[in-house]
Amino acid sequence: MRRLSLAVFLVCFAVSGGVSAGEVTYKDFETFANSRFGPPDGKARYWYGVGPVRDVATGKTLYRFEYYDTVRHYVDPKDPNRRFGIVRKLDLFRDAKTNDLLTTFNGKPVESWIFPYQLFELQYKDGAVSMSITQGGGKFLRTHVFPDIEMLRHGGNLHITIPGFFTVRRPEIPDAVQAFTMSSLFVVCERNCSGSPQVDWVQAGVNPAPPWADSAGQGLLYMFMSGARFEQYADLPQSVRTVIDAQYPEWRQPAKDLAEIEALQR
């Protein structure tokens, strides 16, 4: 197994803005779970995003970031107010001009960040929603807080905005603690949609540069990407399917159940 960039994200939030914390309904909770995880029918869904990564100081595009995950929605059989998203994830880095998968950058080796699992947990209680995202195992388990989630309705669309502030300990530099910020926007078509609602997303962040992109470890990079959820693996862009099929065939599906996730956490 290749080196992993591991952390645990614990997200505890109240929905504010267009829907205040006291106004979150069970339907709001289900809409959030179904948009991120897909309906709880046992099938895997697929997320994809891509965009440039730029040097904050100069604005120069250094490389392109490509995101992929596959997720399955699991409902706690003892508590329908508790939902899980079982995920496998890949973060890939591509040449800014050729779009080839990077293996080196300025003469330094580049490795993709691979995640054998992530476990999202959503809990609805007393008119509020809490969420946790767990990834990694052993000493690389980490917890981070995502404040100020917003749910805003615009006509038939529901916009879910998720800002986050993290501190990350990377395995490749075990003694270093790095901070970065990230925000996400999910767009869900709730009404007047043909077939499954379309779910789009954008994500932006200001992050410390990975060691291969900044040997001093002091540079900041700005990332912006956009993407969507896909119902079938074959619907994903060929660029990411080529990498998965050749190098990570197990990543076509998430872990099968919570027992498999527990084994990966050890």
C-alpha atoms as a PDB file:
ATOM      1  CA  MET A   1       0.000   0.000   0.000  1.00  0.00           C
ATOM      2  CA  ARG A   2       1.318   3.424  -0.896  1.00  0.00           C
ATOM      3  CA  ARG A   3       1.902   6.212   1.566  1.00  0.00           C
ATOM      4  CA  LEU A   4      -1.287   7.806   2.801  1.00  0.00           C
ATOM      5  CA  SER A   5      -2.097  11.354   3.806  1.00  0.00           C
ATOM      6  CA  LEU A   6      -4.225  10.598   6.856  1.00  0.00           C
ATOM      7  CA  ALA A   7      -6.425  12.640   9.164  1.00  0.00           C
ATOM      8  CA  VAL A   8      -9.744  12.440  10.946  1.00  0.00           C
ATOM      9  CA  PHE A   9     -12.278  15.185  10.458  1.00  0.00           C
ATOM     10  CA  LEU A  10     -15.004  15.650  13.068  1.00  0.00           C
ATOM     11  CA  VAL A  11     -17.645  18.058  11.826  1.00  0.00           C
ATOM     12  CA  CYS A  12     -20.158  19.408  14.325  1.00  0.00           C
ATOM     13  CA  PHE A  13     -22.302  22.151  12.879  1.00  0.00           C
ATOM     14  CA  ALA A  14     -25.576  24.022  13.129  1.00  0.00           C
ATOM     15  CA  VAL A  15     -27.232  24.958   9.854  1.00  0.00           C
ATOM     16  CA  SER A  16     -27.519  28.729   9.585  1.00  0.00           C
ATOM     17  CA  GLY A  17     -28.245  31.442   7.039  1.00  0.00           C
ATOM     18  CA  GLY A  18     -31.294  30.504   4.928  1.00  0.00           C
ATOM     19  CA  VAL A  19     -32.162  27.676   7.333  1.00  0.00           C
ATOM     20  CA  SER A  20     -31.375  28.419  10.944  1.00  0.00           C
ATOM     21  CA  ALA A  21     -30.372  25.787  13.502  1.00  0.00           C
ATOM     22  CA  GLY A  22     -33.896  25.658  14.929  1.00  0.00           C
ATOM     23  CA  GLU A  23     -35.484  25.182  11.501  1.00  0.00           C
ATOM     24  CA  VAL A  24     -33.603  22.122  10.278  1.00  0.00           C
ATOM     25  CA  THR A  25     -36.200  19.481   9.422  1.00  0.00           C
ATOM     26  CA  TYR A  26     -35.851  15.771   8.924  1.00  0.00           C
ATOM     27  CA  LYS A  27     -36.304  16.438   5.192  1.00  0.00           C
ATOM     28  CA  ASP A  28     -33.327  18.830   5.282  1.00  0.00           C
ATOM     29  CA  PHE A  29     -31.298  16.100   6.968  1.00  0.00           C
ATOM     30  CA  GLU A  30     -32.323  13.498   4.371  1.00  0.00           C
ATOM     31  CA  THR A  31     -31.635  15.905   1.509  1.00  0.00           C
ATOM     32  CA  PHE A  32     -28.112  16.508   2.761  1.00  0.00           C
ATOM     33  CA  ALA A  33     -27.443  12.781   3.247  1.00  0.00           C
ATOM     34  CA  ASN A  34     -28.932  11.795  -0.125  1.00  0.00           C
ATOM     35  CA  SER A  35     -27.085  14.544  -2.006  1.00  0.00           C
ATOM     36  CA  ARG A  36     -23.675  13.629  -0.596  1.00  0.00           C
ATOM     37  CA  PHE A  37     -24.064   9.849  -0.379  1.00  0.00           C
ATOM     38  CA  GLY A  38     -26.735   9.088  -2.965  1.00  0.00           C
ATOM     39  CA  PRO A  39     -30.007   7.349  -2.007  1.00  0.00           C
ATOM     40  CA  PRO A  40     -29.651   4.539   0.575  1.00  0.00           C
ATOM     41  CA  ASP A  41     -30.213   1.732  -1.949  1.00  0.00           C
ATOM     42  CA  GLY A  42     -26.867  -0.051  -1.538  1.00  0.00           C
ATOM     43  CA  LYS A  43     -25.433   1.310  -4.798  1.00  0.00           C
ATOM     44  CA  ALA A  44     -22.160   3.209  -5.082  1.00  0.00           C
ATOM     45  CA  ARG A  45     -22.121   6.780  -6.397  1.00  0.00           C
ATOM     46  CA  TYR A  46     -19.134   8.714  -7.683  1.00  0.00           C
ATOM     47  CA  TRP A  47     -17.741  12.212  -7.067  1.00  0.00           C
ATOM     48  CA  TYR A  48     -15.324  13.975  -9.389  1.00  0.00           C
ATOM     49  CA  GLY A  49     -13.696  17.402  -9.364  1.00  0.00           C
ATOM     50  CA  VAL A  50     -10.770  19.102 -11.075  1.00  0.00           C
ATOM     51  CA  GLY A  51      -9.136  22.524 -11.063  1.00  0.00           C
ATOM     52  CA  PRO A  52      -5.912  24.539 -10.995  1.00  0.00           C
ATOM     53  CA  VAL A  53      -3.600  24.967  -8.013  1.00  0.00           C
ATOM     54  CA  ARG A  54      -1.875  28.361  -7.966  1.00  0.00           C
ATOM     55  CA  ASP A  55       0.938  29.955  -6.005  1.00  0.00           C
ATOM     56  CA  VAL A  56      -0.709  32.487  -3.675  1.00  0.00           C
ATOM     57  CA  ALA A  57       2.215  34.897  -3.953  1.00  0.00           C
ATOM     58  CA  THR A  58       2.434  34.978  -7.768  1.00  0.00           C
ATOM     59  CA  GLY A  59      -0.880  33.627  -9.041  1.00  0.00           C
ATOM     60  CA  LYS A  60       1.021  31.171 -11.264  1.00  0.00           C
ATOM     61  CA  THR A  61      -0.663  27.825 -11.923  1.00  0.00           C
ATOM     62  CA  LEU A  62       1.698  25.097 -10.706  1.00  0.00           C
ATOM     63  CA  TYR A  63      -0.359  21.972 -11.387  1.00  0.00           C
ATOM     64  CA  ARG A  64      -3.919  20.687 -11.622  1.00  0.00           C
ATOM     65  CA  PHE A  65      -5.675  18.838  -8.822  1.00  0.00           C
ATOM     66  CA  GLU A  66      -8.030  15.970  -9.671  1.00  0.00           C
ATOM     67  CA  TYR A  67     -10.398  14.578  -7.038  1.00  0.00           C
ATOM     68  CA  TYR A  68     -12.298  11.279  -7.004  1.00  0.00           C
ATOM     69  CA  ASP A  69     -14.331   9.366  -4.479  1.00  0.00           C
ATOM     70  CA  THR A  70     -16.883   6.587  -4.504  1.00  0.00           C
ATOM     71  CA  VAL A  71     -19.512   6.494  -1.752  1.00  0.00           C
ATOM     72  CA  ARG A  72     -22.312   4.244  -0.527  1.00  0.00           C
ATOM     73  CA  HIS A  73     -25.166   5.394   1.748  1.00  0.00           C
ATOM     74  CA  TYR A  74     -25.815   3.233   4.814  1.00  0.00           C
ATOM     75  CA  VAL A  75     -28.685   3.858   7.256  1.00  0.00           C
ATOM     76  CA  ASP A  76     -28.212   2.747  10.854  1.00  0.00           C
ATOM     77  CA  PRO A  77     -30.822  -0.043  11.183  1.00  0.00           C
ATOM     78  CA  LYS A  78     -31.427   0.937  14.812  1.00  0.00           C
ATOM     79  CA  ASP A  79     -31.671   4.687  14.195  1.00  0.00           C
ATOM     80  CA  PRO A  80     -32.855   6.248  10.869  1.00  0.00           C
ATOM     81  CA  ASN A  81     -31.620   9.613  12.187  1.00  0.00           C
ATOM     82  CA  ARG A  82     -28.069   8.297  11.799  1.00  0.00           C
ATOM     83  CA  ARG A  83     -26.575   7.956   8.298  1.00  0.00           C
ATOM     84  CA  PHE A  84     -23.177   6.829   7.090  1.00  0.00           C
ATOM     85  CA  GLY A  85     -21.324   7.520   3.864  1.00  0.00           C
ATOM     86  CA  ILE A  86     -18.735   4.799   3.209  1.00  0.00           C
ATOM     87  CA  VAL A  87     -16.063   6.211   0.886  1.00  0.00           C
ATOM     88  CA  ARG A  88     -12.822   5.457  -0.944  1.00  0.00           C
ATOM     89  CA  LYS A  89     -10.930   8.493  -2.237  1.00  0.00           C
ATOM     90  CA  LEU A  90      -8.052   9.497  -4.543  1.00  0.00           C
ATOM     91  CA  ASP A  91      -6.288  12.871  -4.872  1.00  0.00           C
ATOM     92  CA  LEU A  92      -4.293  13.097  -8.100  1.00  0.00           C
ATOM     93  CA  PHE A  93      -1.847  15.746  -9.361  1.00  0.00           C
ATOM     94  CA  ARG A  94      -1.549  16.594 -13.074  1.00  0.00           C
ATOM     95  CA  ASP A  95       0.739  18.672 -15.233  1.00  0.00           C
ATOM     96  CA  ALA A  96      -0.723  22.156 -15.735  1.00  0.00           C
ATOM     97  CA  LYS A  97      -0.024  22.124 -19.506  1.00  0.00           C
ATOM     98  CA  THR A  98      -0.160  18.494 -20.658  1.00  0.00           C
ATOM     99  CA  ASN A  99      -2.606  17.145 -18.032  1.00  0.00           C
ATOM    100  CA  ASP A 100      -0.356  14.096 -17.636  1.00  0.00           C
ATOM    101  CA  LEU A 101      -0.292  12.514 -14.183  1.00  0.00           C
ATOM    102  CA  LEU A 102       2.674  13.974 -12.302  1.00  0.00           C
ATOM    103  CA  THR A 103       5.374  11.564 -11.200  1.00  0.00           C
ATOM    104  CA  THR A 104       7.968  14.303 -10.599  1.00  0.00           C
ATOM    105  CA  PHE A 105       7.818  18.066 -10.042  1.00  0.00           C
ATOM    106  CA  ASN A 106      10.987  20.131 -10.408  1.00  0.00           C
ATOM    107  CA  GLY A 107      12.925  16.880 -10.133  1.00  0.00           C
ATOM    108  CA  LYS A 108      11.193  15.722  -6.940  1.00  0.00           C
ATOM    109  CA  PRO A 109       9.016  12.583  -6.799  1.00  0.00           C
ATOM    110  CA  VAL A 110       5.253  13.076  -6.615  1.00  0.00           C
ATOM    111  CA  GLU A 111       2.877  10.467  -5.219  1.00  0.00           C
ATOM    112  CA  SER A 112      -0.900  10.515  -5.392  1.00  0.00           C
ATOM    113  CA  TRP A 113      -2.744  10.687  -2.089  1.00  0.00           C
ATOM    114  CA  ILE A 114      -4.802   7.525  -1.680  1.00  0.00           C
ATOM    115  CA  PHE A 115      -7.430   6.860   0.971  1.00  0.00           C
ATOM    116  CA  PRO A 116      -8.609   3.264   1.491  1.00  0.00           C
ATOM    117  CA  TYR A 117     -11.622   4.661   3.310  1.00  0.00           C
ATOM    118  CA  GLN A 118     -13.385   7.687   4.681  1.00  0.00           C
ATOM    119  CA  LEU A 119     -16.384   7.342   6.972  1.00  0.00           C
ATOM    120  CA  PHE A 120     -18.924  10.165   6.978  1.00  0.00           C
ATOM    121  CA  GLU A 121     -21.487  10.117   9.784  1.00  0.00           C
ATOM    122  CA  LEU A 122     -24.566  12.347   9.870  1.00  0.00           C
ATOM    123  CA  GLN A 123     -26.797  12.543  12.947  1.00  0.00           C
ATOM    124  CA  TYR A 124     -30.134  14.354  13.192  1.00  0.00           C
ATOM    125  CA  LYS A 125     -31.270  15.274  16.710  1.00  0.00           C
ATOM    126  CA  ASP A 126     -33.413  18.017  18.245  1.00  0.00           C
ATOM    127  CA  GLY A 127     -33.708  19.987  15.019  1.00  0.00           C
ATOM    128  CA  ALA A 128     -29.974  20.071  14.350  1.00  0.00           C
ATOM    129  CA  VAL A 129     -27.460  18.055  12.340  1.00  0.00           C
ATOM    130  CA  SER A 130     -23.979  16.918  13.339  1.00  0.00           C
ATOM    131  CA  MET A 131     -21.451  15.367  10.999  1.00  0.00           C
ATOM    132  CA  SER A 132     -18.108  13.594  11.338  1.00  0.00           C
ATOM    133  CA  ILE A 133     -15.647  12.419   8.715  1.00  0.00           C
ATOM    134  CA  THR A 134     -13.140   9.786   9.810  1.00  0.00           C
ATOM    135  CA  GLN A 135     -10.103   8.683   7.850  1.00  0.00           C
ATOM    136  CA  GLY A 136      -6.772   7.080   8.604  1.00  0.00           C
ATOM    137  CA  GLY A 137      -5.681   4.740  11.323  1.00  0.00           C
ATOM    138  CA  GLY A 138      -3.423   4.366  14.319  1.00  0.00           C
ATOM    139  CA  LYS A 139      -1.416   7.447  15.236  1.00  0.00           C
ATOM    140  CA  PHE A 140      -2.665   9.360  12.185  1.00  0.00           C
ATOM    141  CA  LEU A 141      -6.238   9.679  13.460  1.00  0.00           C
ATOM    142  CA  ARG A 142      -7.113  13.373  13.668  1.00  0.00           C
ATOM    143  CA  THR A 143     -10.124  15.542  14.577  1.00  0.00           C
ATOM    144  CA  HIS A 144     -11.067  18.926  13.059  1.00  0.00           C
ATOM    145  CA  VAL A 145     -14.096  21.207  13.391  1.00  0.00           C
ATOM    146  CA  PHE A 146     -16.134  22.641  10.477  1.00  0.00           C
ATOM    147  CA  PRO A 147     -18.145  25.647  11.725  1.00  0.00           C
ATOM    148  CA  ASP A 148     -20.813  27.786  10.094  1.00  0.00           C
ATOM    149  CA  ILE A 149     -22.454  25.392   7.633  1.00  0.00           C
ATOM    150  CA  GLU A 150     -25.206  27.084   5.610  1.00  0.00           C
ATOM    151  CA  MET A 151     -28.231  25.701   3.754  1.00  0.00           C
ATOM    152  CA  LEU A 152     -29.800  28.221   1.378  1.00  0.00           C
ATOM    153  CA  ARG A 153     -32.728  27.624  -0.978  1.00  0.00           C
ATOM    154  CA  HIS A 154     -32.865  29.334  -4.369  1.00  0.00           C
ATOM    155  CA  GLY A 155     -35.978  28.314  -6.276  1.00  0.00           C
ATOM    156  CA  GLY A 156     -35.764  24.545  -6.716  1.00  0.00           C
ATOM    157  CA  ASN A 157     -32.127  24.362  -5.644  1.00  0.00           C
ATOM    158  CA  LEU A 158     -30.627  23.791  -2.212  1.00  0.00           C
ATOM    159  CA  HIS A 159     -27.111  25.184  -1.715  1.00  0.00           C
ATOM    160  CA  ILE A 160     -25.127  23.626   1.138  1.00  0.00           C
ATOM    161  CA  THR A 161     -21.942  25.527   1.975  1.00  0.00           C
ATOM    162  CA  ILE A 162     -19.308  23.885   4.194  1.00  0.00           C
ATOM    163  CA  PRO A 163     -16.271  25.931   5.293  1.00  0.00           C
ATOM    164  CA  GLY A 164     -13.475  24.147   7.122  1.00  0.00           C
ATOM    165  CA  PHE A 165     -10.299  25.015   9.006  1.00  0.00           C
ATOM    166  CA  PHE A 166      -7.777  22.234   9.472  1.00  0.00           C
ATOM    167  CA  THR A 167      -4.478  21.337  11.040  1.00  0.00           C
ATOM    168  CA  VAL A 168      -2.843  18.442   9.218  1.00  0.00           C
ATOM    169  CA  ARG A 169       0.040  16.173  10.166  1.00  0.00           C
ATOM    170  CA  ARG A 170       1.420  14.615   6.990  1.00  0.00           C
ATOM    171  CA  PRO A 171       3.094  11.167   7.121  1.00  0.00           C
ATOM    172  CA  GLU A 172       5.882  12.306   4.775  1.00  0.00           C
ATOM    173  CA  ILE A 173       6.951  14.966   7.331  1.00  0.00           C
ATOM    174  CA  PRO A 174       5.800  13.351  10.618  1.00  0.00           C
ATOM    175  CA  ASP A 175       6.886  16.134  12.966  1.00  0.00           C
ATOM    176  CA  ALA A 176       5.320  18.979  10.955  1.00  0.00           C
ATOM    177  CA  VAL A 177       1.851  20.366  11.647  1.00  0.00           C
ATOM    178  CA  GLN A 178       0.352  22.336   8.778  1.00  0.00           C
ATOM    179  CA  ALA A 179      -2.799  24.482   8.732  1.00  0.00           C
ATOM    180  CA  PHE A 180      -5.029  25.183   5.780  1.00  0.00           C
ATOM    181  CA  THR A 181      -8.546  26.349   5.029  1.00  0.00           C
ATOM    182  CA  MET A 182     -11.122  24.880   2.694  1.00  0.00           C
ATOM    183  CA  SER A 183     -14.709  25.629   1.716  1.00  0.00           C
ATOM    184  CA  SER A 184     -17.198  23.509  -0.200  1.00  0.00           C
ATOM    185  CA  LEU A 185     -20.488  24.197  -1.955  1.00  0.00           C
ATOM    186  CA  PHE A 186     -23.009  21.516  -2.851  1.00  0.00           C
ATOM    187  CA  VAL A 187     -25.863  22.373  -5.206  1.00  0.00           C
ATOM    188  CA  VAL A 188     -28.879  20.077  -5.135  1.00  0.00           C
ATOM    189  CA  CYS A 189     -31.881  20.290  -7.460  1.00  0.00           C
ATOM    190  CA  GLU A 190     -34.723  19.302  -5.156  1.00  0.00           C
ATOM    191  CA  ARG A 191     -37.788  20.035  -7.287  1.00  0.00           C
ATOM    192  CA  ASN A 192     -38.753  19.884 -10.960  1.00  0.00           C
ATOM    193  CA  CYS A 193     -35.849  17.562 -11.760  1.00  0.00           C
ATOM    194  CA  SER A 194     -36.088  14.710 -14.257  1.00  0.00           C
ATOM    195  CA  GLY A 195     -34.775  11.455 -12.780  1.00  0.00           C
ATOM    196  CA  SER A 196     -32.182  11.775 -10.023  1.00  0.00           C
ATOM    197  CA  PRO A 197     -31.470  15.336  -8.837  1.00  0.00           C
ATOM    198  CA  GLN A 198     -28.276  16.817 -10.256  1.00  0.00           C
ATOM    199  CA  VAL A 199     -25.648  17.407  -7.603  1.00  0.00           C
ATOM    200  CA  ASP A 200     -22.806  19.803  -8.475  1.00  0.00           C
ATOM    201  CA  TRP A 201     -20.068  21.182  -6.283  1.00  0.00           C
ATOM    202  CA  VAL A 202     -17.223  23.646  -6.058  1.00  0.00           C
ATOM    203  CA  GLN A 203     -14.376  23.671  -3.573  1.00  0.00           C
ATOM    204  CA  ALA A 204     -11.747  26.286  -2.772  1.00  0.00           C
ATOM    205  CA  GLY A 205      -8.879  26.274  -0.322  1.00  0.00           C
ATOM    206  CA  VAL A 206      -5.660  27.969   0.738  1.00  0.00           C
ATOM    207  CA  ASN A 207      -3.194  25.260   1.732  1.00  0.00           C
ATOM    208  CA  PRO A 208       0.494  24.882   2.557  1.00  0.00           C
ATOM    209  CA  ALA A 209       2.356  23.570  -0.487  1.00  0.00           C
ATOM    210  CA  PRO A 210       3.198  19.851  -0.399  1.00  0.00           C
ATOM    211  CA  PRO A 211       6.920  19.203   0.204  1.00  0.00           C
ATOM    212  CA  TRP A 212       7.577  18.316  -3.436  1.00  0.00           C
ATOM    213  CA  ALA A 213       6.150  21.671  -4.567  1.00  0.00           C
ATOM    214  CA  ASP A 214       7.938  23.798  -1.927  1.00  0.00           C
ATOM    215  CA  SER A 215      11.090  22.477  -0.288  1.00  0.00           C
ATOM    216  CA  ALA A 216      11.062  25.251   2.327  1.00  0.00           C
ATOM    217  CA  GLY A 217       7.565  24.277   3.441  1.00  0.00           C
ATOM    218  CA  GLN A 218       6.527  27.911   3.753  1.00  0.00           C
ATOM    219  CA  GLY A 219       4.633  28.595   0.517  1.00  0.00           C
ATOM    220  CA  LEU A 220       0.847  28.787   0.251  1.00  0.00           C
ATOM    221  CA  LEU A 221      -1.198  27.456  -2.634  1.00  0.00           C
ATOM    222  CA  TYR A 222      -4.719  28.374  -3.726  1.00  0.00           C
ATOM    223  CA  MET A 223      -6.944  25.646  -5.143  1.00  0.00           C
ATOM    224  CA  PHE A 224     -10.286  25.976  -6.880  1.00  0.00           C
ATOM    225  CA  MET A 225     -12.076  23.046  -8.467  1.00  0.00           C
ATOM    226  CA  SER A 226     -15.540  22.182  -9.680  1.00  0.00           C
ATOM    227  CA  GLY A 227     -17.242  18.868 -10.283  1.00  0.00           C
ATOM    228  CA  ALA A 228     -20.346  16.758  -9.811  1.00  0.00           C
ATOM    229  CA  ARG A 229     -21.769  13.478  -8.558  1.00  0.00           C
ATOM    230  CA  PHE A 230     -22.160  10.672 -11.080  1.00  0.00           C
ATOM    231  CA  GLU A 231     -24.523   7.717 -10.833  1.00  0.00           C
ATOM    232  CA  GLN A 232     -22.358   5.235 -12.775  1.00  0.00           C
ATOM    233  CA  TYR A 233     -18.611   4.591 -12.833  1.00  0.00           C
ATOM    234  CA  ALA A 234     -18.665   4.639 -16.653  1.00  0.00           C
ATOM    235  CA  ASP A 235     -19.967   8.236 -16.567  1.00  0.00           C
ATOM    236  CA  LEU A 236     -16.772   9.549 -14.957  1.00  0.00           C
ATOM    237  CA  PRO A 237     -14.173  11.331 -17.133  1.00  0.00           C
ATOM    238  CA  GLN A 238     -11.805   8.942 -18.889  1.00  0.00           C
ATOM    239  CA  SER A 239      -8.777  10.622 -17.285  1.00  0.00           C
ATOM    240  CA  VAL A 240      -9.584   9.364 -13.805  1.00  0.00           C
ATOM    241  CA  ARG A 241     -10.954   5.982 -14.926  1.00  0.00           C
ATOM    242  CA  THR A 242      -7.681   5.257 -16.739  1.00  0.00           C
ATOM    243  CA  VAL A 243      -5.718   5.762 -13.502  1.00  0.00           C
ATOM    244  CA  ILE A 244      -8.144   3.739 -11.374  1.00  0.00           C
ATOM    245  CA  ASP A 245      -8.405   0.840 -13.821  1.00  0.00           C
ATOM    246  CA  ALA A 246      -4.625   0.584 -14.194  1.00  0.00           C
ATOM    247  CA  GLN A 247      -3.430   1.306 -10.636  1.00  0.00           C
ATOM    248  CA  TYR A 248      -6.298   1.194  -8.131  1.00  0.00           C
ATOM    249  CA  PRO A 249      -8.991  -1.239  -9.346  1.00  0.00           C
ATOM    250  CA  GLU A 250     -10.357  -1.672  -5.796  1.00  0.00           C
ATOM    251  CA  TRP A 251     -11.262   2.033  -5.851  1.00  0.00           C
ATOM    252  CA  ARG A 252     -14.157   1.353  -8.261  1.00  0.00           C
ATOM    253  CA  GLN A 253     -16.237   0.600  -5.143  1.00  0.00           C
ATOM    254  CA  PRO A 254     -16.101   1.811  -1.525  1.00  0.00           C
ATOM    255  CA  ALA A 255     -15.549  -0.507   1.410  1.00  0.00           C
ATOM    256  CA  LYS A 256     -18.462  -2.926   1.613  1.00  0.00           C
ATOM    257  CA  ASP A 257     -19.523  -2.289   5.215  1.00  0.00           C
ATOM    258  CA  LEU A 258     -18.624  -0.800   8.588  1.00  0.00           C
ATOM    259  CA  ALA A 259     -16.750  -3.971   9.619  1.00  0.00           C
ATOM    260  CA  GLU A 260     -14.309  -3.462   6.742  1.00  0.00           C
ATOM    261  CA  ILE A 261     -13.815   0.160   7.804  1.00  0.00           C
ATOM    262  CA  GLU A 262     -13.088  -0.894  11.380  1.00  0.00           C
ATOM    263  CA  ALA A 263     -10.375  -3.254  10.089  1.00  0.00           C
ATOM    264  CA  LEU A 264      -8.819  -0.411   8.073  1.00  0.00           C
ATOM    265  CA  GLN A 265      -8.750   1.841  11.146  1.00  0.00           C
ATOM    266  CA  ARG A 266      -6.484  -0.468  13.138  1.00  0.00           C
END
